[in-house]
Amino acid sequence: MSTIHDVLGRKGGTVLTVEGSMSVFDAIKTMSEANIGALVIQDNEQPVGIFTERDYMKKIALKGRSSSTTAVADVMSSPLITVDIGESVQIAMETMTQCSCRHLVVMDKESMAGIISLGDTVKHMLLDKEAEIEQLSSYIAGSY
């Protein structure tokens, strides 16, 4: 069974973090430049929440708030929802479904090991299934 460690092995473990005092405008600019959909918000180097494209849409754009004057800490999703690096991909997907979130911060003991999205887990599962089908086809064809 695939684990979150396997997903990060394919994807990488980079996590972009910002301080909660950063403006929403600067946060979405950072996200756009990095081509990512979420930032982890830190307070004194500790993760305290996450800011996503969905947070921007629901809490800034649809409420008519100013992204230039609103601090990202005021609109982040908190508490931070995490998954252990050794957990199965299926459990991570179930967690995202239950919490209606698209991103999970991956923890390895007390430290952040990465961040995964629902898309990352789906891609990982598809690649696993393709490899399984290829192995079965080779076995059936007798070229194992």
N, C-alpha and C. Protein backbone atom coordinates (compact mmCIF):
# COMPACT_ATOMS: atom_id res chain seq x y z
N MET A 1 0.84 -1.18 0.00
CA MET A 1 0.00 0.00 0.00
C MET A 1 0.89 1.24 0.00
N SER A 2 0.58 2.18 -0.85
CA SER A 2 1.36 3.41 -0.97
C SER A 2 1.17 4.31 0.24
N THR A 3 2.24 4.99 0.60
CA THR A 3 2.21 5.92 1.72
C THR A 3 2.45 7.35 1.24
N ILE A 4 2.23 8.27 2.13
CA ILE A 4 2.47 9.67 1.83
C ILE A 4 3.96 9.90 1.53
N HIS A 5 4.81 9.12 2.16
CA HIS A 5 6.25 9.19 1.86
C HIS A 5 6.49 8.92 0.38
N ASP A 6 5.77 7.96 -0.20
CA ASP A 6 5.89 7.64 -1.63
C ASP A 6 5.45 8.82 -2.49
N VAL A 7 4.37 9.47 -2.09
CA VAL A 7 3.87 10.63 -2.84
C VAL A 7 4.92 11.73 -2.84
N LEU A 8 5.49 12.01 -1.66
CA LEU A 8 6.52 13.05 -1.58
C LEU A 8 7.78 12.66 -2.34
N GLY A 9 8.04 11.35 -2.44
CA GLY A 9 9.19 10.89 -3.22
C GLY A 9 9.07 11.28 -4.68
N ARG A 10 7.87 11.26 -5.20
CA ARG A 10 7.63 11.67 -6.59
C ARG A 10 7.52 13.18 -6.73
N LYS A 11 6.87 13.79 -5.77
CA LYS A 11 6.53 15.21 -5.86
C LYS A 11 7.62 16.12 -5.32
N GLY A 12 8.25 15.73 -4.23
CA GLY A 12 9.20 16.59 -3.54
C GLY A 12 8.58 17.11 -2.25
N GLY A 13 9.42 17.58 -1.36
CA GLY A 13 8.95 17.98 -0.04
C GLY A 13 9.01 19.46 0.25
N THR A 14 9.10 20.28 -0.79
CA THR A 14 9.19 21.72 -0.56
C THR A 14 7.87 22.27 -0.01
N VAL A 15 7.97 23.06 1.04
CA VAL A 15 6.81 23.74 1.62
C VAL A 15 7.14 25.22 1.69
N LEU A 16 6.32 26.03 1.04
CA LEU A 16 6.49 27.47 1.16
C LEU A 16 5.71 27.96 2.37
N THR A 17 6.40 28.73 3.21
CA THR A 17 5.78 29.26 4.42
C THR A 17 5.91 30.78 4.43
N VAL A 18 4.95 31.41 5.08
CA VAL A 18 4.98 32.86 5.26
C VAL A 18 4.50 33.18 6.67
N GLU A 19 4.83 34.37 7.11
CA GLU A 19 4.35 34.84 8.42
C GLU A 19 2.92 35.34 8.26
N GLY A 20 2.14 35.23 9.30
CA GLY A 20 0.74 35.63 9.29
C GLY A 20 0.52 37.11 9.05
N SER A 21 1.53 37.93 9.27
CA SER A 21 1.39 39.37 9.06
C SER A 21 1.47 39.77 7.59
N MET A 22 1.88 38.84 6.72
CA MET A 22 1.97 39.14 5.29
C MET A 22 0.58 39.48 4.75
N SER A 23 0.53 40.42 3.83
CA SER A 23 -0.77 40.76 3.23
C SER A 23 -1.24 39.63 2.32
N VAL A 24 -2.53 39.52 2.18
CA VAL A 24 -3.11 38.52 1.29
C VAL A 24 -2.60 38.75 -0.14
N PHE A 25 -2.48 40.01 -0.55
CA PHE A 25 -1.97 40.30 -1.89
C PHE A 25 -0.59 39.70 -2.10
N ASP A 26 0.31 39.91 -1.13
CA ASP A 26 1.66 39.35 -1.25
C ASP A 26 1.65 37.83 -1.21
N ALA A 27 0.73 37.27 -0.43
CA ALA A 27 0.60 35.81 -0.37
C ALA A 27 0.16 35.22 -1.70
N ILE A 28 -0.85 35.83 -2.33
CA ILE A 28 -1.30 35.28 -3.61
C ILE A 28 -0.27 35.54 -4.71
N LYS A 29 0.47 36.62 -4.58
CA LYS A 29 1.56 36.86 -5.53
C LYS A 29 2.63 35.77 -5.39
N THR A 30 2.98 35.42 -4.17
CA THR A 30 3.94 34.35 -3.91
C THR A 30 3.43 33.03 -4.47
N MET A 31 2.15 32.74 -4.24
CA MET A 31 1.57 31.50 -4.74
C MET A 31 1.59 31.47 -6.27
N SER A 32 1.27 32.57 -6.89
CA SER A 32 1.24 32.66 -8.35
C SER A 32 2.64 32.45 -8.93
N GLU A 33 3.63 33.12 -8.35
CA GLU A 33 5.01 32.99 -8.83
C GLU A 33 5.55 31.57 -8.68
N ALA A 34 5.13 30.88 -7.63
CA ALA A 34 5.59 29.51 -7.39
C ALA A 34 4.69 28.47 -8.05
N ASN A 35 3.58 28.92 -8.64
CA ASN A 35 2.61 28.03 -9.27
C ASN A 35 2.10 26.96 -8.31
N ILE A 36 1.68 27.43 -7.13
CA ILE A 36 1.14 26.54 -6.11
C ILE A 36 -0.21 27.06 -5.64
N GLY A 37 -0.96 26.21 -4.95
CA GLY A 37 -2.29 26.57 -4.51
C GLY A 37 -2.44 26.81 -3.02
N ALA A 38 -1.33 26.70 -2.27
CA ALA A 38 -1.45 26.86 -0.82
C ALA A 38 -0.11 27.27 -0.20
N LEU A 39 -0.20 28.04 0.87
CA LEU A 39 0.96 28.43 1.68
C LEU A 39 0.69 28.05 3.13
N VAL A 40 1.72 27.60 3.81
CA VAL A 40 1.59 27.34 5.24
C VAL A 40 1.93 28.63 5.98
N ILE A 41 1.09 28.98 6.93
CA ILE A 41 1.28 30.19 7.72
C ILE A 41 1.97 29.81 9.02
N GLN A 42 3.03 30.56 9.33
CA GLN A 42 3.80 30.28 10.53
C GLN A 42 3.73 31.45 11.51
N ASP A 43 3.87 31.09 12.79
CA ASP A 43 3.99 32.07 13.86
C ASP A 43 5.16 31.60 14.72
N ASN A 44 6.20 32.41 14.79
CA ASN A 44 7.42 32.02 15.51
C ASN A 44 7.95 30.67 15.02
N GLU A 45 7.98 30.52 13.71
CA GLU A 45 8.50 29.33 13.03
C GLU A 45 7.69 28.06 13.29
N GLN A 46 6.50 28.19 13.82
CA GLN A 46 5.61 27.06 14.03
C GLN A 46 4.43 27.16 13.07
N PRO A 47 4.07 26.07 12.38
CA PRO A 47 2.91 26.12 11.47
C PRO A 47 1.62 26.28 12.26
N VAL A 48 0.81 27.27 11.87
CA VAL A 48 -0.43 27.54 12.60
C VAL A 48 -1.67 27.49 11.71
N GLY A 49 -1.47 27.49 10.41
CA GLY A 49 -2.61 27.46 9.50
C GLY A 49 -2.16 27.34 8.06
N ILE A 50 -3.13 27.38 7.17
CA ILE A 50 -2.85 27.28 5.75
C ILE A 50 -3.72 28.30 5.02
N PHE A 51 -3.17 28.88 3.98
CA PHE A 51 -3.91 29.82 3.14
C PHE A 51 -3.94 29.24 1.73
N THR A 52 -5.15 29.08 1.20
CA THR A 52 -5.31 28.45 -0.10
C THR A 52 -6.06 29.36 -1.07
N GLU A 53 -6.07 28.95 -2.32
CA GLU A 53 -6.85 29.68 -3.32
C GLU A 53 -8.32 29.74 -2.92
N ARG A 54 -8.80 28.68 -2.32
CA ARG A 54 -10.20 28.64 -1.86
C ARG A 54 -10.44 29.66 -0.76
N ASP A 55 -9.48 29.82 0.15
CA ASP A 55 -9.60 30.84 1.19
C ASP A 55 -9.69 32.22 0.57
N TYR A 56 -8.88 32.48 -0.44
CA TYR A 56 -8.92 33.78 -1.11
C TYR A 56 -10.30 34.02 -1.70
N MET A 57 -10.81 33.03 -2.42
CA MET A 57 -12.10 33.19 -3.09
C MET A 57 -13.22 33.44 -2.07
N LYS A 58 -13.29 32.61 -1.03
CA LYS A 58 -14.39 32.70 -0.06
C LYS A 58 -14.27 33.86 0.92
N LYS A 59 -13.06 34.15 1.35
CA LYS A 59 -12.88 35.10 2.45
C LYS A 59 -12.43 36.48 2.03
N ILE A 60 -11.98 36.62 0.81
CA ILE A 60 -11.54 37.93 0.31
C ILE A 60 -12.43 38.37 -0.85
N ALA A 61 -12.34 37.65 -1.96
CA ALA A 61 -13.04 38.06 -3.19
C ALA A 61 -14.55 38.16 -3.00
N LEU A 62 -15.16 37.12 -2.44
CA LEU A 62 -16.63 37.12 -2.31
C LEU A 62 -17.13 38.01 -1.18
N LYS A 63 -16.26 38.40 -0.27
CA LYS A 63 -16.67 39.27 0.84
C LYS A 63 -16.29 40.73 0.59
N GLY A 64 -15.65 40.99 -0.55
CA GLY A 64 -15.29 42.37 -0.89
C GLY A 64 -14.19 42.95 -0.02
N ARG A 65 -13.36 42.11 0.58
CA ARG A 65 -12.26 42.59 1.41
C ARG A 65 -11.08 42.99 0.54
N SER A 66 -10.23 43.81 1.06
CA SER A 66 -9.04 44.25 0.35
C SER A 66 -7.90 43.27 0.58
N SER A 67 -7.34 42.74 -0.49
CA SER A 67 -6.21 41.83 -0.35
C SER A 67 -4.94 42.58 0.05
N SER A 68 -4.90 43.87 -0.21
CA SER A 68 -3.71 44.66 0.12
C SER A 68 -3.63 44.99 1.60
N THR A 69 -4.78 45.11 2.26
CA THR A 69 -4.78 45.53 3.67
C THR A 69 -5.15 44.41 4.64
N THR A 70 -5.50 43.25 4.13
CA THR A 70 -5.87 42.14 5.01
C THR A 70 -4.65 41.24 5.23
N ALA A 71 -4.37 40.93 6.49
CA ALA A 71 -3.27 40.01 6.82
C ALA A 71 -3.72 38.59 6.55
N VAL A 72 -2.81 37.80 6.05
CA VAL A 72 -3.14 36.42 5.70
C VAL A 72 -3.59 35.62 6.93
N ALA A 73 -3.10 35.98 8.11
CA ALA A 73 -3.53 35.29 9.34
C ALA A 73 -5.01 35.49 9.63
N ASP A 74 -5.57 36.58 9.13
CA ASP A 74 -6.98 36.87 9.37
C ASP A 74 -7.92 36.01 8.54
N VAL A 75 -7.40 35.39 7.48
CA VAL A 75 -8.25 34.60 6.58
C VAL A 75 -7.74 33.19 6.34
N MET A 76 -6.70 32.78 7.06
CA MET A 76 -6.16 31.43 6.88
C MET A 76 -7.13 30.41 7.46
N SER A 77 -6.98 29.17 7.03
CA SER A 77 -7.73 28.07 7.62
C SER A 77 -6.91 27.51 8.78
N SER A 78 -7.56 27.39 9.91
CA SER A 78 -6.89 26.93 11.12
C SER A 78 -7.92 26.23 11.99
N PRO A 79 -7.57 25.20 12.72
CA PRO A 79 -6.24 24.64 12.91
C PRO A 79 -5.74 23.92 11.65
N LEU A 80 -4.45 23.75 11.60
CA LEU A 80 -3.80 23.10 10.48
C LEU A 80 -4.13 21.61 10.48
N ILE A 81 -4.58 21.11 9.34
CA ILE A 81 -4.89 19.69 9.22
C ILE A 81 -3.68 19.01 8.61
N THR A 82 -3.19 17.97 9.28
CA THR A 82 -1.96 17.32 8.88
C THR A 82 -2.15 15.83 8.66
N VAL A 83 -1.14 15.23 8.06
CA VAL A 83 -1.10 13.79 7.87
C VAL A 83 0.33 13.34 8.16
N ASP A 84 0.47 12.17 8.75
CA ASP A 84 1.79 11.63 9.05
C ASP A 84 2.42 11.08 7.78
N ILE A 85 3.71 11.24 7.64
CA ILE A 85 4.42 10.82 6.43
C ILE A 85 4.29 9.31 6.18
N GLY A 86 4.06 8.53 7.20
CA GLY A 86 3.93 7.09 7.05
C GLY A 86 2.51 6.61 6.78
N GLU A 87 1.56 7.53 6.78
CA GLU A 87 0.14 7.17 6.58
C GLU A 87 -0.10 6.75 5.14
N SER A 88 -1.15 5.97 4.93
CA SER A 88 -1.49 5.52 3.59
C SER A 88 -2.12 6.66 2.78
N VAL A 89 -1.97 6.57 1.46
CA VAL A 89 -2.56 7.56 0.57
C VAL A 89 -4.08 7.54 0.73
N GLN A 90 -4.64 6.35 0.90
CA GLN A 90 -6.10 6.23 1.06
C GLN A 90 -6.59 6.99 2.29
N ILE A 91 -5.89 6.87 3.39
CA ILE A 91 -6.28 7.58 4.61
C ILE A 91 -6.19 9.09 4.39
N ALA A 92 -5.15 9.54 3.69
CA ALA A 92 -5.01 10.97 3.41
C ALA A 92 -6.18 11.47 2.57
N MET A 93 -6.58 10.68 1.57
CA MET A 93 -7.71 11.07 0.72
C MET A 93 -9.00 11.11 1.53
N GLU A 94 -9.18 10.16 2.43
CA GLU A 94 -10.36 10.15 3.30
C GLU A 94 -10.37 11.37 4.21
N THR A 95 -9.20 11.75 4.73
CA THR A 95 -9.09 12.93 5.58
C THR A 95 -9.51 14.18 4.81
N MET A 96 -9.01 14.31 3.57
CA MET A 96 -9.35 15.48 2.75
C MET A 96 -10.85 15.51 2.44
N THR A 97 -11.43 14.35 2.23
CA THR A 97 -12.87 14.28 1.96
C THR A 97 -13.66 14.69 3.19
N GLN A 98 -13.28 14.17 4.36
CA GLN A 98 -14.00 14.47 5.59
C GLN A 98 -13.90 15.95 5.99
N CYS A 99 -12.74 16.56 5.75
CA CYS A 99 -12.56 17.96 6.18
C CYS A 99 -12.88 18.95 5.05
N SER A 100 -13.26 18.42 3.89
CA SER A 100 -13.53 19.27 2.71
C SER A 100 -12.37 20.21 2.42
N CYS A 101 -11.17 19.65 2.47
CA CYS A 101 -9.98 20.43 2.16
C CYS A 101 -9.21 19.75 1.03
N ARG A 102 -8.38 20.51 0.36
CA ARG A 102 -7.64 19.98 -0.78
C ARG A 102 -6.16 19.87 -0.52
N HIS A 103 -5.70 20.28 0.65
CA HIS A 103 -4.27 20.24 0.98
C HIS A 103 -4.09 19.72 2.40
N LEU A 104 -3.04 18.94 2.58
CA LEU A 104 -2.64 18.46 3.91
C LEU A 104 -1.15 18.73 4.08
N VAL A 105 -0.78 19.22 5.23
CA VAL A 105 0.63 19.36 5.56
C VAL A 105 1.11 18.01 6.07
N VAL A 106 2.23 17.56 5.54
CA VAL A 106 2.79 16.26 5.90
C VAL A 106 3.79 16.47 7.03
N MET A 107 3.59 15.71 8.10
CA MET A 107 4.47 15.81 9.26
C MET A 107 5.31 14.55 9.41
N ASP A 108 6.56 14.74 9.75
CA ASP A 108 7.47 13.65 10.09
C ASP A 108 7.92 13.93 11.52
N LYS A 109 7.27 13.28 12.43
CA LYS A 109 7.39 13.55 13.85
C LYS A 109 6.93 14.98 14.12
N GLU A 110 7.84 15.87 14.51
CA GLU A 110 7.46 17.24 14.86
C GLU A 110 7.75 18.25 13.76
N SER A 111 8.29 17.80 12.63
CA SER A 111 8.66 18.76 11.60
C SER A 111 7.86 18.54 10.31
N MET A 112 7.71 19.64 9.54
CA MET A 112 7.01 19.55 8.27
C MET A 112 7.91 18.86 7.25
N ALA A 113 7.34 17.85 6.59
CA ALA A 113 8.10 17.12 5.57
C ALA A 113 7.65 17.50 4.16
N GLY A 114 6.50 18.15 4.05
CA GLY A 114 5.99 18.53 2.74
C GLY A 114 4.53 18.92 2.84
N ILE A 115 3.94 19.10 1.68
CA ILE A 115 2.51 19.40 1.59
C ILE A 115 1.99 18.64 0.38
N ILE A 116 0.81 18.04 0.52
CA ILE A 116 0.21 17.31 -0.59
C ILE A 116 -1.17 17.86 -0.89
N SER A 117 -1.55 17.73 -2.13
CA SER A 117 -2.89 18.15 -2.54
C SER A 117 -3.68 16.92 -2.94
N LEU A 118 -4.97 17.09 -3.07
CA LEU A 118 -5.81 16.00 -3.55
C LEU A 118 -5.33 15.55 -4.93
N GLY A 119 -4.95 16.51 -5.77
CA GLY A 119 -4.43 16.17 -7.09
C GLY A 119 -3.17 15.32 -7.03
N ASP A 120 -2.30 15.60 -6.05
CA ASP A 120 -1.08 14.79 -5.89
C ASP A 120 -1.42 13.35 -5.57
N THR A 121 -2.41 13.14 -4.71
CA THR A 121 -2.77 11.77 -4.33
C THR A 121 -3.43 11.04 -5.50
N VAL A 122 -4.26 11.73 -6.25
CA VAL A 122 -4.91 11.10 -7.41
C VAL A 122 -3.86 10.73 -8.45
N LYS A 123 -2.94 11.64 -8.74
CA LYS A 123 -1.87 11.37 -9.70
C LYS A 123 -1.05 10.17 -9.26
N HIS A 124 -0.71 10.11 -7.98
CA HIS A 124 0.08 9.00 -7.46
C HIS A 124 -0.67 7.68 -7.63
N MET A 125 -1.94 7.67 -7.31
CA MET A 125 -2.71 6.43 -7.44
C MET A 125 -2.84 6.00 -8.90
N LEU A 126 -3.01 6.96 -9.81
CA LEU A 126 -3.08 6.63 -11.24
C LEU A 126 -1.78 6.03 -11.74
N LEU A 127 -0.65 6.62 -11.34
CA LEU A 127 0.64 6.07 -11.75
C LEU A 127 0.86 4.67 -11.19
N ASP A 128 0.44 4.44 -9.95
CA ASP A 128 0.52 3.09 -9.36
C ASP A 128 -0.32 2.10 -10.15
N LYS A 129 -1.52 2.49 -10.52
CA LYS A 129 -2.42 1.59 -11.27
C LYS A 129 -1.86 1.31 -12.66
N GLU A 130 -1.28 2.32 -13.32
CA GLU A 130 -0.67 2.10 -14.63
C GLU A 130 0.48 1.11 -14.54
N ALA A 131 1.30 1.24 -13.51
CA ALA A 131 2.42 0.31 -13.32
C ALA A 131 1.91 -1.10 -13.05
N GLU A 132 0.85 -1.21 -12.27
CA GLU A 132 0.26 -2.52 -11.98
C GLU A 132 -0.28 -3.16 -13.25
N ILE A 133 -0.97 -2.39 -14.07
CA ILE A 133 -1.52 -2.91 -15.33
C ILE A 133 -0.39 -3.36 -16.25
N GLU A 134 0.68 -2.59 -16.31
CA GLU A 134 1.83 -2.95 -17.14
C GLU A 134 2.45 -4.26 -16.68
N GLN A 135 2.59 -4.43 -15.36
CA GLN A 135 3.14 -5.67 -14.82
C GLN A 135 2.24 -6.86 -15.13
N LEU A 136 0.93 -6.69 -14.97
CA LEU A 136 -0.01 -7.77 -15.27
C LEU A 136 -0.01 -8.11 -16.75
N SER A 137 0.06 -7.10 -17.59
CA SER A 137 0.11 -7.35 -19.04
C SER A 137 1.37 -8.12 -19.42
N SER A 138 2.50 -7.75 -18.83
CA SER A 138 3.75 -8.47 -19.09
C SER A 138 3.66 -9.92 -18.60
N TYR A 139 3.03 -10.11 -17.46
CA TYR A 139 2.88 -11.45 -16.91
C TYR A 139 2.01 -12.31 -17.84
N ILE A 140 0.90 -11.74 -18.28
CA ILE A 140 -0.03 -12.47 -19.16
C ILE A 140 0.64 -12.79 -20.48
N ALA A 141 1.44 -11.85 -21.00
CA ALA A 141 2.11 -12.06 -22.29
C ALA A 141 3.32 -13.00 -22.14
N GLY A 142 3.68 -13.31 -20.93
CA GLY A 142 4.77 -14.25 -20.70
C GLY A 142 6.15 -13.62 -20.79
N SER A 143 6.24 -12.33 -20.69
CA SER A 143 7.54 -11.66 -20.78
C SER A 143 8.04 -11.17 -19.43
N TYR A 144 7.72 -11.89 -18.41
CA TYR A 144 8.11 -11.49 -17.06
C TYR A 144 9.47 -11.97 -16.76
